[in-house]
């Protein structure tokens, strides 16, 4: 059996990729599972993760106390929790709403 890759759509048919989100400089966890992050541009974004906590190997912790231990990763590229869960800055920036 032969497998061939589908041809890539012409450049005009593809949506332009989103630019990388600004770096995160601060984060706050609000009960029960809401993040409010401040980006290097001064923008603040809010993201409710109630539907995502505890749903996979790198999902945010499922208890409010553990969720509140979120920290900015070195360099501001994302957020991290003890135990290895993380969230990339693009997910927070583009998935969140202005705070």
Protein backbone atom coordinates (compact mmCIF):
# COMPACT_ATOMS: atom_id res chain seq x y z
CA UNK A 1 0.00 0.00 0.00
CA UNK A 2 1.33 3.41 -0.94
CA UNK A 3 0.70 6.53 1.10
CA UNK A 4 1.05 9.93 -0.47
CA UNK A 5 0.85 13.25 1.28
CA UNK A 6 -1.86 15.66 0.29
CA UNK A 7 -0.50 18.66 -1.53
CA UNK A 8 -0.29 21.81 0.54
CA UNK A 9 -2.93 24.39 -0.29
CA UNK A 10 -1.73 27.36 -2.30
CA UNK A 11 -0.48 30.21 -0.11
CA UNK A 12 -3.53 32.35 -0.90
CA UNK A 13 -5.87 29.63 0.43
CA UNK A 14 -4.19 29.28 3.81
CA UNK A 15 -4.93 31.58 6.71
CA UNK A 16 -1.94 33.56 7.82
CA UNK A 17 -0.37 32.19 11.00
CA UNK A 18 -0.90 34.23 14.12
CA UNK A 19 2.19 36.02 15.43
CA UNK A 20 3.68 34.71 18.66
CA UNK A 21 2.05 36.18 21.70
CA UNK A 22 4.04 38.63 23.83
CA UNK A 23 5.97 37.20 26.76
CA UNK A 24 4.19 36.78 30.08
CA UNK A 25 5.58 38.89 32.93
CA UNK A 26 3.10 38.05 35.72
CA UNK A 27 0.24 35.69 36.48
CA UNK A 28 -2.48 35.45 39.10
CA UNK A 29 -4.81 32.50 39.73
CA UNK A 30 -8.37 33.42 40.68
CA UNK A 31 -10.68 30.80 42.21
CA UNK A 32 -11.53 28.30 41.19
CA UNK A 33 -9.62 27.86 37.88
CA UNK A 34 -9.12 31.26 36.24
CA UNK A 35 -5.78 32.71 35.15
CA UNK A 36 -5.11 36.41 34.74
CA UNK A 37 -1.81 37.09 33.01
CA UNK A 38 0.04 40.31 32.31
CA UNK A 39 2.08 40.38 29.12
CA UNK A 40 5.16 42.42 28.26
CA UNK A 41 3.00 44.80 26.24
CA UNK A 42 1.04 45.70 29.38
CA UNK A 43 -2.01 43.77 28.16
CA UNK A 44 -3.87 41.58 30.65
CA UNK A 45 -5.73 38.46 29.53
CA UNK A 46 -8.14 36.24 31.48
CA UNK A 47 -8.66 32.54 30.76
CA UNK A 48 -11.08 30.22 32.57
CA UNK A 49 -9.66 26.68 32.57
CA UNK A 50 -12.45 24.99 34.55
CA UNK A 51 -13.17 22.63 31.63
CA UNK A 52 -9.49 21.68 31.20
CA UNK A 53 -8.17 20.97 34.69
CA UNK A 54 -7.11 17.41 35.37
CA UNK A 55 -8.04 16.19 31.86
CA UNK A 56 -4.65 14.97 30.63
CA UNK A 57 -1.02 14.33 31.48
CA UNK A 58 -0.03 17.99 31.14
CA UNK A 59 -3.36 19.56 32.14
CA UNK A 60 -3.50 22.10 34.96
CA UNK A 61 -4.03 20.62 38.45
CA UNK A 62 -7.60 19.75 39.39
CA UNK A 63 -7.68 21.24 42.88
CA UNK A 64 -7.92 25.00 43.47
CA UNK A 65 -4.96 24.96 45.89
CA UNK A 66 -2.68 23.18 43.40
CA UNK A 67 -3.96 25.34 40.53
CA UNK A 68 -3.04 28.48 42.50
CA UNK A 69 0.65 27.42 42.49
CA UNK A 70 0.98 28.52 38.86
CA UNK A 71 4.17 30.39 37.95
CA UNK A 72 5.60 32.15 34.91
CA UNK A 73 8.16 29.97 33.10
CA UNK A 74 11.66 31.44 32.78
CA UNK A 75 11.71 33.77 29.81
CA UNK A 76 7.94 34.34 29.91
CA UNK A 77 7.16 31.75 27.21
CA UNK A 78 4.37 30.15 29.22
CA UNK A 79 3.06 29.12 32.61
CA UNK A 80 3.93 26.07 34.68
CA UNK A 81 2.71 24.16 37.71
CA UNK A 82 4.61 21.81 40.03
CA UNK A 83 4.33 18.32 38.58
CA UNK A 84 4.96 19.32 34.97
CA UNK A 85 1.70 20.84 33.73
CA UNK A 86 2.20 23.87 31.53
CA UNK A 87 0.42 26.32 29.26
CA UNK A 88 2.02 28.12 26.31
CA UNK A 89 1.69 31.89 26.12
CA UNK A 90 -0.18 31.67 22.79
CA UNK A 91 -2.93 29.56 24.38
CA UNK A 92 -3.46 32.15 27.09
CA UNK A 93 -3.14 35.19 24.84
CA UNK A 94 -5.31 34.02 21.95
CA UNK A 95 -7.67 31.84 24.00
CA UNK A 96 -8.24 34.40 26.72
CA UNK A 97 -10.22 37.59 26.85
CA UNK A 98 -9.08 41.07 27.86
CA UNK A 99 -9.02 41.47 31.64
